[in-house]
C-alpha cells in the first residue's frame, strides 16, 4: 500500500462502495482527486458516487471539471446536461448537450460506429425537448 498513489485510493474506494460504505468510498475518491487533480476518471467516479448519494450539486461540479479536462468525452457533456435540466437550468443544459454533439462530430471523439449515431440522436432529442418546454 502506497498512500501517495491515487489509483490505490480509488481501488479502496471501490471496495468500500461494494461493502456499502459510501462515506468511506467518497473519502477515498476525494483523496484520489486531491492527489491527481488532472485525472478526469477519478472525478467521473466521484460524480457518479455523488449521484448515488443524492448530491447532484457536487456531481455537477465534478462533471464540469471533467468537461474541462476531457472536452471530447461526450458522455460527460450529456450527464452534465441532464444535471442542469434537473436543476432548472435549461439554457446551460442546451449548451452542454450542444458541446456533446460537437465532441461527437470530432474525429477524435471516443464514440464509434452505431453508438455514435445513437448518442447523436439522444442528444438531439434532449435539445428538442428543451426547446419544446422553453417559455414562449
C-alpha atoms as a PDB file:
ATOM      1  CA  UNK A   1       0.000   0.000   0.000  1.00  0.00           C
ATOM      2  CA  UNK A   2       1.417   3.348  -1.043  1.00  0.00           C
ATOM      3  CA  UNK A   3      -0.667   6.174   0.454  1.00  0.00           C
ATOM      4  CA  UNK A   4       0.643   8.541  -2.236  1.00  0.00           C
ATOM      5  CA  UNK A   5      -0.974   6.507  -5.040  1.00  0.00           C
ATOM      6  CA  UNK A   6      -4.282   7.999  -6.229  1.00  0.00           C
ATOM      7  CA  UNK A   7      -5.086   4.715  -8.011  1.00  0.00           C
ATOM      8  CA  UNK A   8      -4.868   2.736  -4.780  1.00  0.00           C
ATOM      9  CA  UNK A   9      -7.187   5.191  -3.034  1.00  0.00           C
ATOM     10  CA  UNK A  10      -9.660   4.724  -5.898  1.00  0.00           C
ATOM     11  CA  UNK A  11      -9.401   0.933  -5.682  1.00  0.00           C
ATOM     12  CA  UNK A  12     -10.038   1.054  -1.951  1.00  0.00           C
ATOM     13  CA  UNK A  13     -12.983   3.379  -2.598  1.00  0.00           C
ATOM     14  CA  UNK A  14     -14.456   0.806  -4.989  1.00  0.00           C
ATOM     15  CA  UNK A  15     -14.123  -1.935  -2.396  1.00  0.00           C
ATOM     16  CA  UNK A  16     -15.728   0.258   0.264  1.00  0.00           C
ATOM     17  CA  UNK A  17     -18.585   1.084  -2.090  1.00  0.00           C
ATOM     18  CA  UNK A  18     -19.156  -2.629  -2.716  1.00  0.00           C
ATOM     19  CA  UNK A  19     -19.348  -3.113   1.058  1.00  0.00           C
ATOM     20  CA  UNK A  20     -21.971  -0.363   1.275  1.00  0.00           C
ATOM     21  CA  UNK A  21     -19.688   2.236   2.849  1.00  0.00           C
ATOM     22  CA  UNK A  22     -20.480   5.216   0.633  1.00  0.00           C
ATOM     23  CA  UNK A  23     -18.938   7.719   3.027  1.00  0.00           C
ATOM     24  CA  UNK A  24     -15.666   5.773   3.038  1.00  0.00           C
ATOM     25  CA  UNK A  25     -15.781   5.454  -0.734  1.00  0.00           C
ATOM     26  CA  UNK A  26     -16.281   9.207  -1.032  1.00  0.00           C
ATOM     27  CA  UNK A  27     -13.272   9.875   1.183  1.00  0.00           C
ATOM     28  CA  UNK A  28     -11.154   7.560  -0.954  1.00  0.00           C
ATOM     29  CA  UNK A  29     -12.231   9.098  -4.244  1.00  0.00           C
ATOM     30  CA  UNK A  30     -11.788  12.590  -2.847  1.00  0.00           C
ATOM     31  CA  UNK A  31      -8.241  11.653  -1.897  1.00  0.00           C
ATOM     32  CA  UNK A  32      -7.676  10.363  -5.438  1.00  0.00           C
ATOM     33  CA  UNK A  33      -8.919  13.669  -6.850  1.00  0.00           C
ATOM     34  CA  UNK A  34      -6.744  15.596  -4.414  1.00  0.00           C
ATOM     35  CA  UNK A  35      -3.654  13.620  -5.391  1.00  0.00           C
ATOM     36  CA  UNK A  36      -4.366  13.693  -9.143  1.00  0.00           C
ATOM     37  CA  UNK A  37      -6.498  16.782  -9.856  1.00  0.00           C
ATOM     38  CA  UNK A  38      -5.985  16.455 -13.611  1.00  0.00           C
ATOM     39  CA  UNK A  39      -7.250  12.869 -13.806  1.00  0.00           C
ATOM     40  CA  UNK A  40     -10.800  13.063 -15.134  1.00  0.00           C
ATOM     41  CA  UNK A  41     -11.584   9.420 -14.367  1.00  0.00           C
ATOM     42  CA  UNK A  42     -11.440   9.939 -10.618  1.00  0.00           C
ATOM     43  CA  UNK A  43     -13.749  12.940 -10.921  1.00  0.00           C
ATOM     44  CA  UNK A  44     -16.220  10.969 -13.038  1.00  0.00           C
ATOM     45  CA  UNK A  45     -16.260   8.156 -10.494  1.00  0.00           C
ATOM     46  CA  UNK A  46     -16.782  10.636  -7.687  1.00  0.00           C
ATOM     47  CA  UNK A  47     -19.555  12.396  -9.631  1.00  0.00           C
ATOM     48  CA  UNK A  48     -21.395   9.093 -10.003  1.00  0.00           C
ATOM     49  CA  UNK A  49     -20.938   8.415  -6.305  1.00  0.00           C
ATOM     50  CA  UNK A  50     -22.327  11.865  -5.522  1.00  0.00           C
ATOM     51  CA  UNK A  51     -25.369  10.983  -7.619  1.00  0.00           C
ATOM     52  CA  UNK A  52     -25.807   7.707  -5.737  1.00  0.00           C
ATOM     53  CA  UNK A  53     -25.652   9.741  -2.513  1.00  0.00           C
ATOM     54  CA  UNK A  54     -28.258  12.190  -3.891  1.00  0.00           C
ATOM     55  CA  UNK A  55     -25.812  15.096  -4.030  1.00  0.00           C
ATOM     56  CA  UNK A  56     -26.374  16.431  -7.566  1.00  0.00           C
ATOM     57  CA  UNK A  57     -24.744  19.816  -6.910  1.00  0.00           C
ATOM     58  CA  UNK A  58     -21.457  18.098  -6.097  1.00  0.00           C
ATOM     59  CA  UNK A  59     -21.845  15.773  -9.089  1.00  0.00           C
ATOM     60  CA  UNK A  60     -22.378  18.784 -11.345  1.00  0.00           C
ATOM     61  CA  UNK A  61     -19.167  20.375 -10.066  1.00  0.00           C
ATOM     62  CA  UNK A  62     -17.204  17.229 -10.881  1.00  0.00           C
ATOM     63  CA  UNK A  63     -18.766  16.852 -14.326  1.00  0.00           C
ATOM     64  CA  UNK A  64     -17.939  20.487 -15.063  1.00  0.00           C
ATOM     65  CA  UNK A  65     -14.300  19.664 -14.265  1.00  0.00           C
ATOM     66  CA  UNK A  66     -14.458  16.524 -16.442  1.00  0.00           C
ATOM     67  CA  UNK A  67     -15.761  18.610 -19.364  1.00  0.00           C
ATOM     68  CA  UNK A  68     -12.801  20.939 -18.962  1.00  0.00           C
ATOM     69  CA  UNK A  69     -10.296  18.070 -18.714  1.00  0.00           C
ATOM     70  CA  UNK A  70     -11.787  15.833 -21.438  1.00  0.00           C
ATOM     71  CA  UNK A  71     -13.753  18.062 -23.809  1.00  0.00           C
ATOM     72  CA  UNK A  72     -14.171  15.292 -26.398  1.00  0.00           C
ATOM     73  CA  UNK A  73     -15.734  12.810 -23.967  1.00  0.00           C
ATOM     74  CA  UNK A  74     -19.376  13.281 -24.937  1.00  0.00           C
ATOM     75  CA  UNK A  75     -20.963  11.176 -22.130  1.00  0.00           C
ATOM     76  CA  UNK A  76     -19.745  13.703 -19.553  1.00  0.00           C
ATOM     77  CA  UNK A  77     -21.383  16.537 -21.512  1.00  0.00           C
ATOM     78  CA  UNK A  78     -24.637  14.611 -21.643  1.00  0.00           C
ATOM     79  CA  UNK A  79     -24.576  13.782 -17.938  1.00  0.00           C
ATOM     80  CA  UNK A  80     -23.818  17.412 -17.109  1.00  0.00           C
ATOM     81  CA  UNK A  81     -26.717  18.500 -19.315  1.00  0.00           C
ATOM     82  CA  UNK A  82     -29.045  16.090 -17.524  1.00  0.00           C
ATOM     83  CA  UNK A  83     -27.996  17.501 -14.163  1.00  0.00           C
ATOM     84  CA  UNK A  84     -28.534  21.050 -15.385  1.00  0.00           C
ATOM     85  CA  UNK A  85     -32.026  20.166 -16.633  1.00  0.00           C
ATOM     86  CA  UNK A  86     -32.847  18.702 -13.230  1.00  0.00           C
ATOM     87  CA  UNK A  87     -31.615  21.941 -11.639  1.00  0.00           C
ATOM     88  CA  UNK A  88     -33.899  24.012 -13.901  1.00  0.00           C
ATOM     89  CA  UNK A  89     -31.017  25.486 -15.870  1.00  0.00           C
ATOM     90  CA  UNK A  90     -32.246  24.741 -19.386  1.00  0.00           C
ATOM     91  CA  UNK A  91     -30.053  27.246 -21.230  1.00  0.00           C
ATOM     92  CA  UNK A  92     -26.902  25.810 -19.723  1.00  0.00           C
ATOM     93  CA  UNK A  93     -28.180  22.288 -20.361  1.00  0.00           C
ATOM     94  CA  UNK A  94     -28.697  23.088 -24.040  1.00  0.00           C
ATOM     95  CA  UNK A  95     -25.126  24.344 -24.235  1.00  0.00           C
ATOM     96  CA  UNK A  96     -23.854  21.158 -22.584  1.00  0.00           C
ATOM     97  CA  UNK A  97     -25.809  18.967 -24.998  1.00  0.00           C
ATOM     98  CA  UNK A  98     -24.555  21.019 -27.948  1.00  0.00           C
ATOM     99  CA  UNK A  99     -20.993  20.608 -26.691  1.00  0.00           C
ATOM    100  CA  UNK A 100     -21.675  16.868 -26.540  1.00  0.00           C
ATOM    101  CA  UNK A 101     -22.717  16.978 -30.203  1.00  0.00           C
ATOM    102  CA  UNK A 102     -19.561  18.910 -31.060  1.00  0.00           C
ATOM    103  CA  UNK A 103     -17.497  16.257 -29.284  1.00  0.00           C
ATOM    104  CA  UNK A 104     -19.308  13.511 -31.202  1.00  0.00           C
ATOM    105  CA  UNK A 105     -18.576  15.233 -34.511  1.00  0.00           C
ATOM    106  CA  UNK A 106     -14.874  15.467 -33.796  1.00  0.00           C
ATOM    107  CA  UNK A 107     -12.896  12.650 -35.461  1.00  0.00           C
ATOM    108  CA  UNK A 108     -11.012  12.134 -32.199  1.00  0.00           C
ATOM    109  CA  UNK A 109     -14.265  11.519 -30.276  1.00  0.00           C
ATOM    110  CA  UNK A 110     -14.498   8.454 -28.066  1.00  0.00           C
ATOM    111  CA  UNK A 111     -17.691   7.355 -29.888  1.00  0.00           C
ATOM    112  CA  UNK A 112     -17.528   4.915 -32.767  1.00  0.00           C
ATOM    113  CA  UNK A 113     -19.922   3.481 -35.349  1.00  0.00           C
ATOM    114  CA  UNK A 114     -23.518   2.803 -34.432  1.00  0.00           C
ATOM    115  CA  UNK A 115     -23.046   4.081 -30.881  1.00  0.00           C
ATOM    116  CA  UNK A 116     -22.120   7.457 -32.308  1.00  0.00           C
ATOM    117  CA  UNK A 117     -25.406   7.709 -34.206  1.00  0.00           C
ATOM    118  CA  UNK A 118     -27.437   6.586 -31.198  1.00  0.00           C
ATOM    119  CA  UNK A 119     -25.707   9.123 -28.981  1.00  0.00           C
ATOM    120  CA  UNK A 120     -26.226  11.914 -31.531  1.00  0.00           C
ATOM    121  CA  UNK A 121     -29.937  11.107 -31.782  1.00  0.00           C
ATOM    122  CA  UNK A 122     -30.285  11.036 -27.993  1.00  0.00           C
ATOM    123  CA  UNK A 123     -28.611  14.436 -27.590  1.00  0.00           C
ATOM    124  CA  UNK A 124     -30.658  15.970 -30.399  1.00  0.00           C
ATOM    125  CA  UNK A 125     -33.856  14.636 -28.785  1.00  0.00           C
ATOM    126  CA  UNK A 126     -32.880  16.215 -25.472  1.00  0.00           C
ATOM    127  CA  UNK A 127     -32.230  19.560 -27.177  1.00  0.00           C
ATOM    128  CA  UNK A 128     -35.614  19.401 -28.926  1.00  0.00           C
ATOM    129  CA  UNK A 129     -37.227  18.606 -25.565  1.00  0.00           C
ATOM    130  CA  UNK A 130     -35.681  21.734 -24.077  1.00  0.00           C
ATOM    131  CA  UNK A 131     -36.980  23.805 -26.985  1.00  0.00           C
ATOM    132  CA  UNK A 132     -40.481  22.358 -26.592  1.00  0.00           C
ATOM    133  CA  UNK A 133     -40.511  23.179 -22.872  1.00  0.00           C
ATOM    134  CA  UNK A 134     -39.000  26.657 -23.219  1.00  0.00           C
ATOM    135  CA  UNK A 135     -41.223  29.566 -22.163  1.00  0.00           C
ATOM    136  CA  UNK A 136     -42.638  31.434 -25.140  1.00  0.00           C
END
